[in-house]
Amino acid sequence: MTQKERQERSRREILRAAMEEFGAHGYDAVSMENICARHGISKGMMYHYYSNKDELFLLCVGTIFSQLQKEIEPRARSLVEEETLYAIRDFCLLREDYFQRNPQQELVFETALLRPPRQLAEAIHTLHRPLYEVNQRFFHAIAARMTLRPGLSGEKVTRYLECVNTYFWQLAAQYRAETGTPVQDVHSLFQVAEELLNLTLFGVARQPD
C-alpha cells in the first residue's frame, strides 16, 4: 500500500467515526477525544489530519451535501414533468429515501441546516450552496408551471417551496403524530406526504368573495 493510499484510508476511517459520533450524539456532545477513544483512532493520526471538531463537522456536512446533490440532481430533472403535487411529493421523498439508507447522517444534516453552530454558519452556507441551487432549479421549474394566486411571483413561490422542502419532514412527523397513526410502510409515507403537501399548496380556507 502506498503512502497516498494509507492517507486516504486514514481519512475515510476518521470520516466514518466522526459521522457516527455526530450522527448519534449531535454537535455539542462530541469531542475529538471521544471520537478517538470510541473508534480506536490515535490522537496523533487524528490531529495530523484535522485540527479541531469544527473541521470534522464541516467534513461530515460537506460529504452529506455532496452525496445528496449527486443523488437528487439527475432524478429531479424527470420529476419536473409530473403533476405538481406528486412532483413535489416525490422530490421531498428523494431526501427521505437517502436518509432511510443513511440514518446516521440525518442528525448531522438537520443540525447543519436548522441549528448550525454560530461560528460555522457561513461555512455551512457555502457548502450547502450547490445543493440549494439544485432545489431552486427544481422548484423554479415547478412554479413556472403553476397557476399562481394574484400577487404571487415565481420567485416568491420558489422561495416558499424551498422553505417547505427544508422543514417538510419535521412538519410531517408532527402532523402524523397528531393523527396518532404511525407510518409503517412506504405507502403510508406517501399518503402522509401527499395529504400534508395538498394542504401546504392549496390551503385550508376559501378566501371571502
C-alpha atoms as a PDB file:
ATOM      1  CA  MET A   1       0.000   0.000   0.000  1.00  0.00           C
ATOM      2  CA  THR A   2       1.379   3.396  -0.988  1.00  0.00           C
ATOM      3  CA  GLN A   3       1.581   6.348   1.373  1.00  0.00           C
ATOM      4  CA  LYS A   4      -1.230   8.070  -0.534  1.00  0.00           C
ATOM      5  CA  GLU A   5      -3.453   5.002  -0.155  1.00  0.00           C
ATOM      6  CA  ARG A   6      -2.703   4.835   3.576  1.00  0.00           C
ATOM      7  CA  GLN A   7      -3.575   8.502   3.956  1.00  0.00           C
ATOM      8  CA  GLU A   8      -6.853   8.047   2.087  1.00  0.00           C
ATOM      9  CA  ARG A   9      -7.727   5.048   4.254  1.00  0.00           C
ATOM     10  CA  SER A  10      -6.977   7.040   7.405  1.00  0.00           C
ATOM     11  CA  ARG A  11      -9.171   9.909   6.237  1.00  0.00           C
ATOM     12  CA  ARG A  12     -12.026   7.503   5.439  1.00  0.00           C
ATOM     13  CA  GLU A  13     -11.688   5.924   8.881  1.00  0.00           C
ATOM     14  CA  ILE A  14     -11.818   9.320  10.584  1.00  0.00           C
ATOM     15  CA  LEU A  15     -14.794  10.426   8.474  1.00  0.00           C
ATOM     16  CA  ARG A  16     -16.711   7.234   9.284  1.00  0.00           C
ATOM     17  CA  ALA A  17     -16.029   7.650  13.018  1.00  0.00           C
ATOM     18  CA  ALA A  18     -16.926  11.350  13.036  1.00  0.00           C
ATOM     19  CA  MET A  19     -20.139  10.720  11.099  1.00  0.00           C
ATOM     20  CA  GLU A  20     -21.193   8.048  13.587  1.00  0.00           C
ATOM     21  CA  GLU A  21     -20.494  10.282  16.572  1.00  0.00           C
ATOM     22  CA  PHE A  22     -22.127  13.452  15.240  1.00  0.00           C
ATOM     23  CA  GLY A  23     -24.990  11.365  13.862  1.00  0.00           C
ATOM     24  CA  ALA A  24     -25.647   9.694  17.213  1.00  0.00           C
ATOM     25  CA  HIS A  25     -24.899  12.483  19.682  1.00  0.00           C
ATOM     26  CA  GLY A  26     -25.131  15.809  17.841  1.00  0.00           C
ATOM     27  CA  TYR A  27     -22.532  18.531  17.551  1.00  0.00           C
ATOM     28  CA  ASP A  28     -22.339  19.729  21.161  1.00  0.00           C
ATOM     29  CA  ALA A  29     -21.809  16.320  22.789  1.00  0.00           C
ATOM     30  CA  VAL A  30     -18.924  15.252  20.555  1.00  0.00           C
ATOM     31  CA  SER A  31     -15.212  15.905  21.088  1.00  0.00           C
ATOM     32  CA  MET A  32     -12.069  14.897  19.224  1.00  0.00           C
ATOM     33  CA  GLU A  33     -11.061  12.846  22.254  1.00  0.00           C
ATOM     34  CA  ASN A  34     -14.210  10.736  22.437  1.00  0.00           C
ATOM     35  CA  ILE A  35     -14.107  10.090  18.693  1.00  0.00           C
ATOM     36  CA  CYS A  36     -10.585   8.739  19.133  1.00  0.00           C
ATOM     37  CA  ALA A  37     -11.450   6.735  22.228  1.00  0.00           C
ATOM     38  CA  ARG A  38     -14.627   5.152  20.887  1.00  0.00           C
ATOM     39  CA  HIS A  39     -13.219   4.228  17.495  1.00  0.00           C
ATOM     40  CA  GLY A  40      -9.652   3.260  18.277  1.00  0.00           C
ATOM     41  CA  ILE A  41      -8.102   6.189  16.416  1.00  0.00           C
ATOM     42  CA  SER A  42      -4.825   7.511  17.736  1.00  0.00           C
ATOM     43  CA  LYS A  43      -4.754  11.175  18.662  1.00  0.00           C
ATOM     44  CA  GLY A  44      -1.586  11.558  16.640  1.00  0.00           C
ATOM     45  CA  MET A  45      -3.334  10.392  13.479  1.00  0.00           C
ATOM     46  CA  MET A  46      -6.432  12.466  14.208  1.00  0.00           C
ATOM     47  CA  TYR A  47      -4.561  15.729  14.746  1.00  0.00           C
ATOM     48  CA  HIS A  48      -2.274  15.039  11.806  1.00  0.00           C
ATOM     49  CA  TYR A  49      -5.293  15.473   9.505  1.00  0.00           C
ATOM     50  CA  TYR A  50      -7.734  17.647  11.441  1.00  0.00           C
ATOM     51  CA  SER A  51      -7.093  20.448  13.911  1.00  0.00           C
ATOM     52  CA  ASN A  52     -10.418  20.576  15.734  1.00  0.00           C
ATOM     53  CA  LYS A  53     -14.005  19.406  15.989  1.00  0.00           C
ATOM     54  CA  ASP A  54     -15.273  22.135  13.694  1.00  0.00           C
ATOM     55  CA  GLU A  55     -13.143  20.850  10.810  1.00  0.00           C
ATOM     56  CA  LEU A  56     -14.532  17.366  11.349  1.00  0.00           C
ATOM     57  CA  PHE A  57     -18.125  18.565  11.478  1.00  0.00           C
ATOM     58  CA  LEU A  58     -17.698  20.527   8.252  1.00  0.00           C
ATOM     59  CA  LEU A  59     -16.151  17.446   6.666  1.00  0.00           C
ATOM     60  CA  CYS A  60     -19.267  15.442   7.551  1.00  0.00           C
ATOM     61  CA  VAL A  61     -21.651  18.176   6.444  1.00  0.00           C
ATOM     62  CA  GLY A  62     -19.860  18.687   3.127  1.00  0.00           C
ATOM     63  CA  THR A  63     -19.868  14.950   2.468  1.00  0.00           C
ATOM     64  CA  ILE A  64     -23.625  14.680   3.069  1.00  0.00           C
ATOM     65  CA  PHE A  65     -24.462  17.716   0.932  1.00  0.00           C
ATOM     66  CA  SER A  66     -22.293  16.402  -1.908  1.00  0.00           C
ATOM     67  CA  GLN A  67     -23.774  12.905  -1.804  1.00  0.00           C
ATOM     68  CA  LEU A  68     -27.322  14.256  -1.678  1.00  0.00           C
ATOM     69  CA  GLN A  69     -26.664  16.515  -4.639  1.00  0.00           C
ATOM     70  CA  LYS A  70     -25.316  13.614  -6.714  1.00  0.00           C
ATOM     71  CA  GLU A  71     -28.409  11.533  -5.923  1.00  0.00           C
ATOM     72  CA  ILE A  72     -31.069  14.211  -6.223  1.00  0.00           C
ATOM     73  CA  GLU A  73     -29.942  16.276  -9.207  1.00  0.00           C
ATOM     74  CA  PRO A  74     -30.350  13.683 -12.003  1.00  0.00           C
ATOM     75  CA  ARG A  75     -33.608  12.335 -10.575  1.00  0.00           C
ATOM     76  CA  ALA A  76     -35.112  15.792 -10.091  1.00  0.00           C
ATOM     77  CA  ARG A  77     -34.997  16.505 -13.831  1.00  0.00           C
ATOM     78  CA  SER A  78     -37.513  13.778 -14.603  1.00  0.00           C
ATOM     79  CA  LEU A  79     -39.816  14.728 -11.714  1.00  0.00           C
ATOM     80  CA  VAL A  80     -40.488  18.160 -13.197  1.00  0.00           C
ATOM     81  CA  GLU A  81     -42.754  16.508 -15.764  1.00  0.00           C
ATOM     82  CA  GLU A  82     -45.067  15.010 -13.109  1.00  0.00           C
ATOM     83  CA  GLU A  83     -48.256  16.640 -11.862  1.00  0.00           C
ATOM     84  CA  THR A  84     -47.349  19.441  -9.452  1.00  0.00           C
ATOM     85  CA  LEU A  85     -48.427  17.824  -6.182  1.00  0.00           C
ATOM     86  CA  TYR A  86     -46.811  14.490  -6.996  1.00  0.00           C
ATOM     87  CA  ALA A  87     -43.661  16.116  -8.348  1.00  0.00           C
ATOM     88  CA  ILE A  88     -43.083  17.980  -5.074  1.00  0.00           C
ATOM     89  CA  ARG A  89     -44.024  14.932  -3.001  1.00  0.00           C
ATOM     90  CA  ASP A  90     -41.607  12.709  -4.871  1.00  0.00           C
ATOM     91  CA  PHE A  91     -38.872  15.339  -4.718  1.00  0.00           C
ATOM     92  CA  CYS A  92     -39.226  15.541  -0.935  1.00  0.00           C
ATOM     93  CA  LEU A  93     -39.171  11.750  -0.782  1.00  0.00           C
ATOM     94  CA  LEU A  94     -35.772  11.668  -2.518  1.00  0.00           C
ATOM     95  CA  ARG A  95     -34.210  13.137   0.602  1.00  0.00           C
ATOM     96  CA  GLU A  96     -36.207  10.867   2.884  1.00  0.00           C
ATOM     97  CA  ASP A  97     -35.102   7.848   0.867  1.00  0.00           C
ATOM     98  CA  TYR A  98     -31.472   8.903   1.210  1.00  0.00           C
ATOM     99  CA  PHE A  99     -31.715   9.172   4.994  1.00  0.00           C
ATOM    100  CA  GLN A 100     -33.575   5.880   5.235  1.00  0.00           C
ATOM    101  CA  ARG A 101     -30.434   4.335   3.728  1.00  0.00           C
ATOM    102  CA  ASN A 102     -28.041   6.564   5.704  1.00  0.00           C
ATOM    103  CA  PRO A 103     -29.806   7.133   9.044  1.00  0.00           C
ATOM    104  CA  GLN A 104     -26.694   8.224  10.943  1.00  0.00           C
ATOM    105  CA  GLN A 105     -26.375  11.244   8.653  1.00  0.00           C
ATOM    106  CA  GLU A 106     -29.805  12.711   9.293  1.00  0.00           C
ATOM    107  CA  LEU A 107     -28.997  14.433  12.591  1.00  0.00           C
ATOM    108  CA  VAL A 108     -25.845  15.935  11.078  1.00  0.00           C
ATOM    109  CA  PHE A 109     -27.891  17.303   8.164  1.00  0.00           C
ATOM    110  CA  GLU A 110     -30.616  18.735  10.406  1.00  0.00           C
ATOM    111  CA  THR A 111     -28.085  20.309  12.758  1.00  0.00           C
ATOM    112  CA  ALA A 112     -26.258  21.945   9.859  1.00  0.00           C
ATOM    113  CA  LEU A 113     -29.399  23.405   8.280  1.00  0.00           C
ATOM    114  CA  LEU A 114     -31.632  24.112  11.271  1.00  0.00           C
ATOM    115  CA  ARG A 115     -29.311  24.568  14.265  1.00  0.00           C
ATOM    116  CA  PRO A 116     -25.840  25.365  12.895  1.00  0.00           C
ATOM    117  CA  PRO A 117     -23.097  26.276  15.355  1.00  0.00           C
ATOM    118  CA  ARG A 118     -22.789  30.037  15.067  1.00  0.00           C
ATOM    119  CA  GLN A 119     -19.105  30.008  14.125  1.00  0.00           C
ATOM    120  CA  LEU A 120     -19.778  27.547  11.297  1.00  0.00           C
ATOM    121  CA  ALA A 121     -22.903  29.119   9.805  1.00  0.00           C
ATOM    122  CA  GLU A 122     -21.114  30.905   6.956  1.00  0.00           C
ATOM    123  CA  ALA A 123     -19.029  27.862   6.025  1.00  0.00           C
ATOM    124  CA  ILE A 124     -22.119  25.629   6.081  1.00  0.00           C
ATOM    125  CA  HIS A 125     -23.968  28.108   3.875  1.00  0.00           C
ATOM    126  CA  THR A 126     -21.153  27.903   1.324  1.00  0.00           C
ATOM    127  CA  LEU A 127     -21.106  24.094   1.421  1.00  0.00           C
ATOM    128  CA  HIS A 128     -24.884  23.969   1.018  1.00  0.00           C
ATOM    129  CA  ARG A 129     -24.977  26.294  -1.997  1.00  0.00           C
ATOM    130  CA  PRO A 130     -24.677  23.619  -4.763  1.00  0.00           C
ATOM    131  CA  LEU A 131     -27.461  21.505  -3.216  1.00  0.00           C
ATOM    132  CA  TYR A 132     -29.563  24.610  -2.637  1.00  0.00           C
ATOM    133  CA  GLU A 133     -29.221  25.519  -6.311  1.00  0.00           C
ATOM    134  CA  VAL A 134     -30.450  22.043  -7.311  1.00  0.00           C
ATOM    135  CA  ASN A 135     -33.511  22.612  -5.134  1.00  0.00           C
ATOM    136  CA  GLN A 136     -34.040  26.093  -6.547  1.00  0.00           C
ATOM    137  CA  ARG A 137     -33.887  24.932 -10.163  1.00  0.00           C
ATOM    138  CA  PHE A 138     -36.444  22.226  -9.440  1.00  0.00           C
ATOM    139  CA  PHE A 139     -38.875  24.491  -7.599  1.00  0.00           C
ATOM    140  CA  HIS A 140     -38.418  27.282 -10.147  1.00  0.00           C
ATOM    141  CA  ALA A 141     -39.442  24.851 -12.897  1.00  0.00           C
ATOM    142  CA  ILE A 142     -42.430  23.705 -10.828  1.00  0.00           C
ATOM    143  CA  ALA A 143     -43.513  27.279 -10.041  1.00  0.00           C
ATOM    144  CA  ALA A 144     -43.331  28.182 -13.747  1.00  0.00           C
ATOM    145  CA  ARG A 145     -45.983  25.530 -14.477  1.00  0.00           C
ATOM    146  CA  MET A 146     -48.367  26.528 -11.693  1.00  0.00           C
ATOM    147  CA  THR A 147     -51.330  28.880 -11.899  1.00  0.00           C
ATOM    148  CA  LEU A 148     -50.392  31.258  -9.101  1.00  0.00           C
ATOM    149  CA  ARG A 149     -52.629  33.362  -6.907  1.00  0.00           C
ATOM    150  CA  PRO A 150     -52.761  37.052  -7.830  1.00  0.00           C
ATOM    151  CA  GLY A 151     -49.859  38.955  -6.342  1.00  0.00           C
ATOM    152  CA  LEU A 152     -47.502  35.986  -6.193  1.00  0.00           C
ATOM    153  CA  SER A 153     -44.405  35.764  -8.361  1.00  0.00           C
ATOM    154  CA  GLY A 154     -42.480  32.681  -9.416  1.00  0.00           C
ATOM    155  CA  GLU A 155     -39.579  33.919  -7.294  1.00  0.00           C
ATOM    156  CA  LYS A 156     -41.719  34.096  -4.142  1.00  0.00           C
ATOM    157  CA  VAL A 157     -43.221  30.670  -4.750  1.00  0.00           C
ATOM    158  CA  THR A 158     -39.792  29.146  -5.416  1.00  0.00           C
ATOM    159  CA  ARG A 159     -38.520  30.574  -2.121  1.00  0.00           C
ATOM    160  CA  TYR A 160     -41.598  29.303  -0.293  1.00  0.00           C
ATOM    161  CA  LEU A 161     -41.299  25.779  -1.719  1.00  0.00           C
ATOM    162  CA  GLU A 162     -37.616  25.647  -0.824  1.00  0.00           C
ATOM    163  CA  CYS A 163     -38.530  26.511   2.789  1.00  0.00           C
ATOM    164  CA  VAL A 164     -41.213  23.807   2.750  1.00  0.00           C
ATOM    165  CA  ASN A 165     -38.638  21.325   1.477  1.00  0.00           C
ATOM    166  CA  THR A 166     -36.200  22.194   4.273  1.00  0.00           C
ATOM    167  CA  TYR A 167     -38.718  21.686   7.060  1.00  0.00           C
ATOM    168  CA  PHE A 168     -41.049  19.196   5.397  1.00  0.00           C
ATOM    169  CA  TRP A 169     -40.139  16.049   7.303  1.00  0.00           C
ATOM    170  CA  GLN A 170     -40.270  17.806  10.653  1.00  0.00           C
ATOM    171  CA  LEU A 171     -43.755  19.015   9.739  1.00  0.00           C
ATOM    172  CA  ALA A 172     -44.717  15.556   8.516  1.00  0.00           C
ATOM    173  CA  ALA A 173     -43.505  13.919  11.728  1.00  0.00           C
ATOM    174  CA  GLN A 174     -45.572  16.299  13.857  1.00  0.00           C
ATOM    175  CA  TYR A 175     -48.573  16.024  11.527  1.00  0.00           C
ATOM    176  CA  ARG A 176     -48.687  12.233  11.658  1.00  0.00           C
ATOM    177  CA  ALA A 177     -48.067  12.279  15.430  1.00  0.00           C
ATOM    178  CA  GLU A 178     -51.215  14.387  15.825  1.00  0.00           C
ATOM    179  CA  THR A 179     -53.235  11.747  13.985  1.00  0.00           C
ATOM    180  CA  GLY A 180     -51.898   9.000  16.239  1.00  0.00           C
ATOM    181  CA  THR A 181     -51.287   6.811  13.206  1.00  0.00           C
ATOM    182  CA  PRO A 182     -47.706   5.606  12.807  1.00  0.00           C
ATOM    183  CA  VAL A 183     -46.219   5.431   9.321  1.00  0.00           C
ATOM    184  CA  GLN A 184     -45.301   1.797   8.910  1.00  0.00           C
ATOM    185  CA  ASP A 185     -44.555   1.428   5.206  1.00  0.00           C
ATOM    186  CA  VAL A 186     -43.800   3.360   2.025  1.00  0.00           C
ATOM    187  CA  HIS A 187     -47.484   3.553   1.058  1.00  0.00           C
ATOM    188  CA  SER A 188     -48.356   5.202   4.381  1.00  0.00           C
ATOM    189  CA  LEU A 189     -45.424   7.584   3.961  1.00  0.00           C
ATOM    190  CA  PHE A 190     -46.707   8.620   0.523  1.00  0.00           C
ATOM    191  CA  GLN A 191     -50.192   9.221   1.956  1.00  0.00           C
ATOM    192  CA  VAL A 192     -48.912  11.463   4.751  1.00  0.00           C
ATOM    193  CA  ALA A 193     -46.662  13.390   2.371  1.00  0.00           C
ATOM    194  CA  GLU A 194     -49.433  13.846  -0.179  1.00  0.00           C
ATOM    195  CA  GLU A 195     -52.011  14.977   2.376  1.00  0.00           C
ATOM    196  CA  LEU A 196     -49.690  17.477   4.023  1.00  0.00           C
ATOM    197  CA  LEU A 197     -48.487  18.872   0.688  1.00  0.00           C
ATOM    198  CA  ASN A 198     -52.073  19.214  -0.505  1.00  0.00           C
ATOM    199  CA  LEU A 199     -52.766  21.448   2.498  1.00  0.00           C
ATOM    200  CA  THR A 200     -49.480  23.294   2.035  1.00  0.00           C
ATOM    201  CA  LEU A 201     -50.022  24.048  -1.643  1.00  0.00           C
ATOM    202  CA  PHE A 202     -53.749  24.683  -1.800  1.00  0.00           C
ATOM    203  CA  GLY A 203     -54.522  25.946   1.697  1.00  0.00           C
ATOM    204  CA  VAL A 204     -57.397  25.180   4.064  1.00  0.00           C
ATOM    205  CA  ALA A 205     -59.773  28.137   3.792  1.00  0.00           C
ATOM    206  CA  ARG A 206     -61.622  29.770   0.923  1.00  0.00           C
ATOM    207  CA  GLN A 207     -60.968  33.446   0.546  1.00  0.00           C
ATOM    208  CA  PRO A 208     -64.097  35.575   1.098  1.00  0.00           C
ATOM    209  CA  ASP A 209     -65.820  36.845  -2.031  1.00  0.00           C
END
